[in-house]
């Protein structure tokens, strides 16, 4: 993926695709076989889902706080964002960030630990550190 595409994937627009294409893409995201576990000494084991894109290039880490979930699944807006990233050829690592309290997240320790563990996971799978970016869930 070229530098221009990498710079823009953090702001990928969901409405860039017609509604029927968005619905089909959102429903096509399959998390069942994508579950992985990240591990960091400060936060322990963190559930995550890795959606690989071929050829392997840019990657997005998407932390999912409690407001990014609906009925035990990532919310529709999150799934739409992931679908857009995948259509652009970006591998996506969804990280379940619901486990820690808001106080810890405000101070940033847990958030940094999640990102550190996620970056390590992606680098272990061959992603270049310069091609990994943290993006908002929606």
C-alpha atoms as a PDB file:
ATOM      1  CA  UNK A   1       0.000   0.000   0.000  1.00  0.00           C
ATOM      2  CA  UNK A   2       1.440   3.381  -0.899  1.00  0.00           C
ATOM      3  CA  UNK A   3       2.075   6.193   1.568  1.00  0.00           C
ATOM      4  CA  UNK A   4      -0.945   8.228   0.411  1.00  0.00           C
ATOM      5  CA  UNK A   5      -3.328   5.318   1.017  1.00  0.00           C
ATOM      6  CA  UNK A   6      -1.744   4.641   4.412  1.00  0.00           C
ATOM      7  CA  UNK A   7      -2.118   8.277   5.431  1.00  0.00           C
ATOM      8  CA  UNK A   8      -5.798   8.278   4.527  1.00  0.00           C
ATOM      9  CA  UNK A   9      -7.004   4.971   5.950  1.00  0.00           C
ATOM     10  CA  UNK A  10      -7.420   6.394   9.432  1.00  0.00           C
ATOM     11  CA  UNK A  11     -10.134   8.653   8.105  1.00  0.00           C
ATOM     12  CA  UNK A  12     -11.813   6.159   5.773  1.00  0.00           C
ATOM     13  CA  UNK A  13     -15.336   7.290   4.991  1.00  0.00           C
ATOM     14  CA  UNK A  14     -18.065   4.713   5.430  1.00  0.00           C
ATOM     15  CA  UNK A  15     -20.422   6.670   3.175  1.00  0.00           C
ATOM     16  CA  UNK A  16     -18.000   6.334   0.241  1.00  0.00           C
ATOM     17  CA  UNK A  17     -19.867   3.164  -0.743  1.00  0.00           C
ATOM     18  CA  UNK A  18     -23.540   2.910  -1.711  1.00  0.00           C
ATOM     19  CA  UNK A  19     -25.867   1.659   1.087  1.00  0.00           C
ATOM     20  CA  UNK A  20     -26.304  -1.799  -0.459  1.00  0.00           C
ATOM     21  CA  UNK A  21     -22.541  -2.252  -0.769  1.00  0.00           C
ATOM     22  CA  UNK A  22     -22.076  -1.108   2.851  1.00  0.00           C
ATOM     23  CA  UNK A  23     -24.703  -3.583   4.093  1.00  0.00           C
ATOM     24  CA  UNK A  24     -23.156  -6.454   2.164  1.00  0.00           C
ATOM     25  CA  UNK A  25     -19.656  -5.570   3.384  1.00  0.00           C
ATOM     26  CA  UNK A  26     -20.745  -5.192   7.016  1.00  0.00           C
ATOM     27  CA  UNK A  27     -22.532  -8.540   6.970  1.00  0.00           C
ATOM     28  CA  UNK A  28     -19.500 -10.176   5.316  1.00  0.00           C
ATOM     29  CA  UNK A  29     -17.169  -9.475   8.268  1.00  0.00           C
ATOM     30  CA  UNK A  30     -16.649 -12.816   9.969  1.00  0.00           C
ATOM     31  CA  UNK A  31     -15.102 -12.659  13.421  1.00  0.00           C
ATOM     32  CA  UNK A  32     -15.613 -16.300  14.435  1.00  0.00           C
ATOM     33  CA  UNK A  33     -12.328 -17.608  13.001  1.00  0.00           C
ATOM     34  CA  UNK A  34     -10.368 -14.419  13.592  1.00  0.00           C
ATOM     35  CA  UNK A  35     -10.086 -14.530  17.412  1.00  0.00           C
ATOM     36  CA  UNK A  36      -6.607 -14.116  18.851  1.00  0.00           C
ATOM     37  CA  UNK A  37      -5.247 -13.271  22.287  1.00  0.00           C
ATOM     38  CA  UNK A  38      -2.824 -10.445  22.941  1.00  0.00           C
ATOM     39  CA  UNK A  39      -0.719 -10.531  26.061  1.00  0.00           C
ATOM     40  CA  UNK A  40       0.926  -7.728  27.991  1.00  0.00           C
ATOM     41  CA  UNK A  41       2.383  -7.942  31.515  1.00  0.00           C
ATOM     42  CA  UNK A  42       0.426  -4.904  32.720  1.00  0.00           C
ATOM     43  CA  UNK A  43      -3.052  -5.856  31.421  1.00  0.00           C
ATOM     44  CA  UNK A  44      -2.778  -9.631  31.027  1.00  0.00           C
ATOM     45  CA  UNK A  45      -4.524 -11.454  28.198  1.00  0.00           C
ATOM     46  CA  UNK A  46      -6.665  -9.258  25.937  1.00  0.00           C
ATOM     47  CA  UNK A  47      -9.143 -10.716  23.423  1.00  0.00           C
ATOM     48  CA  UNK A  48      -8.750  -9.453  19.862  1.00  0.00           C
ATOM     49  CA  UNK A  49      -9.736 -10.312  16.282  1.00  0.00           C
ATOM     50  CA  UNK A  50      -7.268 -10.237  13.391  1.00  0.00           C
ATOM     51  CA  UNK A  51      -8.666  -9.712   9.899  1.00  0.00           C
ATOM     52  CA  UNK A  52      -5.732 -10.146   7.525  1.00  0.00           C
ATOM     53  CA  UNK A  53      -5.531  -8.547   4.103  1.00  0.00           C
ATOM     54  CA  UNK A  54      -3.462 -10.016   1.278  1.00  0.00           C
ATOM     55  CA  UNK A  55      -0.942  -8.931   0.231  1.00  0.00           C
ATOM     56  CA  UNK A  56       0.132  -7.893   3.678  1.00  0.00           C
ATOM     57  CA  UNK A  57       0.783  -4.156   3.913  1.00  0.00           C
ATOM     58  CA  UNK A  58      -0.805  -1.496   6.097  1.00  0.00           C
ATOM     59  CA  UNK A  59      -2.502  -2.490   9.333  1.00  0.00           C
ATOM     60  CA  UNK A  60      -4.957  -0.746  11.630  1.00  0.00           C
ATOM     61  CA  UNK A  61      -5.335  -1.309  15.364  1.00  0.00           C
ATOM     62  CA  UNK A  62      -8.933  -0.555  16.366  1.00  0.00           C
ATOM     63  CA  UNK A  63      -9.480  -0.484  20.158  1.00  0.00           C
ATOM     64  CA  UNK A  64     -13.127  -1.216  20.993  1.00  0.00           C
ATOM     65  CA  UNK A  65     -14.280   0.531  24.186  1.00  0.00           C
ATOM     66  CA  UNK A  66     -17.594  -0.429  25.785  1.00  0.00           C
ATOM     67  CA  UNK A  67     -19.586   2.032  23.660  1.00  0.00           C
ATOM     68  CA  UNK A  68     -18.390   0.307  20.452  1.00  0.00           C
ATOM     69  CA  UNK A  69     -20.317  -2.888  21.257  1.00  0.00           C
ATOM     70  CA  UNK A  70     -23.933  -3.894  20.711  1.00  0.00           C
ATOM     71  CA  UNK A  71     -25.397  -7.205  21.922  1.00  0.00           C
ATOM     72  CA  UNK A  72     -21.943  -8.725  22.429  1.00  0.00           C
ATOM     73  CA  UNK A  73     -20.752  -7.851  18.909  1.00  0.00           C
ATOM     74  CA  UNK A  74     -18.955  -4.824  17.500  1.00  0.00           C
ATOM     75  CA  UNK A  75     -21.596  -2.196  16.682  1.00  0.00           C
ATOM     76  CA  UNK A  76     -22.755  -1.673  13.088  1.00  0.00           C
ATOM     77  CA  UNK A  77     -20.700   1.521  12.733  1.00  0.00           C
ATOM     78  CA  UNK A  78     -17.564  -0.383  13.780  1.00  0.00           C
ATOM     79  CA  UNK A  79     -18.290  -3.203  11.344  1.00  0.00           C
ATOM     80  CA  UNK A  80     -18.816  -0.635   8.571  1.00  0.00           C
ATOM     81  CA  UNK A  81     -15.475   1.002   9.408  1.00  0.00           C
ATOM     82  CA  UNK A  82     -13.739  -2.386   9.337  1.00  0.00           C
ATOM     83  CA  UNK A  83     -15.361  -3.258   6.013  1.00  0.00           C
ATOM     84  CA  UNK A  84     -14.126   0.020   4.527  1.00  0.00           C
ATOM     85  CA  UNK A  85     -10.584  -0.591   5.763  1.00  0.00           C
ATOM     86  CA  UNK A  86     -10.617  -4.160   4.431  1.00  0.00           C
ATOM     87  CA  UNK A  87     -11.858  -2.988   1.030  1.00  0.00           C
ATOM     88  CA  UNK A  88      -8.857  -0.642   0.961  1.00  0.00           C
ATOM     89  CA  UNK A  89      -6.512  -3.603   1.564  1.00  0.00           C
ATOM     90  CA  UNK A  90      -5.784  -2.820   5.227  1.00  0.00           C
ATOM     91  CA  UNK A  91      -5.379  -5.627   7.771  1.00  0.00           C
ATOM     92  CA  UNK A  92      -7.410  -4.887  10.907  1.00  0.00           C
ATOM     93  CA  UNK A  93      -6.774  -5.898  14.507  1.00  0.00           C
ATOM     94  CA  UNK A  94      -9.852  -5.259  16.673  1.00  0.00           C
ATOM     95  CA  UNK A  95      -8.900  -5.067  20.352  1.00  0.00           C
ATOM     96  CA  UNK A  96     -11.473  -5.565  23.111  1.00  0.00           C
ATOM     97  CA  UNK A  97     -10.789  -2.589  25.382  1.00  0.00           C
ATOM     98  CA  UNK A  98     -13.848  -3.047  27.637  1.00  0.00           C
ATOM     99  CA  UNK A  99     -12.020  -4.786  30.442  1.00  0.00           C
ATOM    100  CA  UNK A 100     -10.489  -1.820  32.243  1.00  0.00           C
ATOM    101  CA  UNK A 101     -12.174   1.024  34.060  1.00  0.00           C
ATOM    102  CA  UNK A 102     -12.538   4.522  32.738  1.00  0.00           C
ATOM    103  CA  UNK A 103     -10.128   5.898  35.358  1.00  0.00           C
ATOM    104  CA  UNK A 104      -7.278   3.730  34.074  1.00  0.00           C
ATOM    105  CA  UNK A 105      -8.061   4.637  30.468  1.00  0.00           C
ATOM    106  CA  UNK A 106      -8.073   8.350  31.338  1.00  0.00           C
ATOM    107  CA  UNK A 107      -4.558   8.030  32.677  1.00  0.00           C
ATOM    108  CA  UNK A 108      -3.566   6.112  29.559  1.00  0.00           C
ATOM    109  CA  UNK A 109      -1.673   3.183  31.076  1.00  0.00           C
ATOM    110  CA  UNK A 110      -4.058   0.502  29.858  1.00  0.00           C
ATOM    111  CA  UNK A 111      -4.520   2.137  26.465  1.00  0.00           C
ATOM    112  CA  UNK A 112      -0.755   2.181  25.903  1.00  0.00           C
ATOM    113  CA  UNK A 113      -0.499  -1.451  27.007  1.00  0.00           C
ATOM    114  CA  UNK A 114      -3.247  -2.498  24.567  1.00  0.00           C
ATOM    115  CA  UNK A 115      -1.534  -0.691  21.709  1.00  0.00           C
ATOM    116  CA  UNK A 116       1.888  -2.100  22.666  1.00  0.00           C
ATOM    117  CA  UNK A 117       0.526  -5.659  22.697  1.00  0.00           C
ATOM    118  CA  UNK A 118      -1.331  -5.099  19.411  1.00  0.00           C
ATOM    119  CA  UNK A 119       1.728  -3.633  17.677  1.00  0.00           C
ATOM    120  CA  UNK A 120       3.814  -6.605  18.823  1.00  0.00           C
ATOM    121  CA  UNK A 121       1.224  -9.021  17.472  1.00  0.00           C
ATOM    122  CA  UNK A 122       1.127  -7.288  14.076  1.00  0.00           C
ATOM    123  CA  UNK A 123       4.920  -7.029  13.834  1.00  0.00           C
ATOM    124  CA  UNK A 124       5.192 -10.762  14.635  1.00  0.00           C
ATOM    125  CA  UNK A 125       2.986 -11.369  11.592  1.00  0.00           C
ATOM    126  CA  UNK A 126       5.230  -9.419   9.259  1.00  0.00           C
ATOM    127  CA  UNK A 127       3.709  -5.952   9.348  1.00  0.00           C
ATOM    128  CA  UNK A 128       6.256  -3.121   9.171  1.00  0.00           C
ATOM    129  CA  UNK A 129       6.075  -0.871  12.257  1.00  0.00           C
ATOM    130  CA  UNK A 130       5.790   2.199  10.000  1.00  0.00           C
ATOM    131  CA  UNK A 131       2.659   0.732   8.368  1.00  0.00           C
ATOM    132  CA  UNK A 132       0.708   0.233  11.616  1.00  0.00           C
ATOM    133  CA  UNK A 133      -1.720   2.912  12.755  1.00  0.00           C
ATOM    134  CA  UNK A 134      -4.231   3.155  15.595  1.00  0.00           C
ATOM    135  CA  UNK A 135      -7.677   4.271  14.395  1.00  0.00           C
ATOM    136  CA  UNK A 136     -10.917   5.109  16.167  1.00  0.00           C
ATOM    137  CA  UNK A 137     -13.633   2.462  16.233  1.00  0.00           C
ATOM    138  CA  UNK A 138     -16.178   4.660  14.440  1.00  0.00           C
END
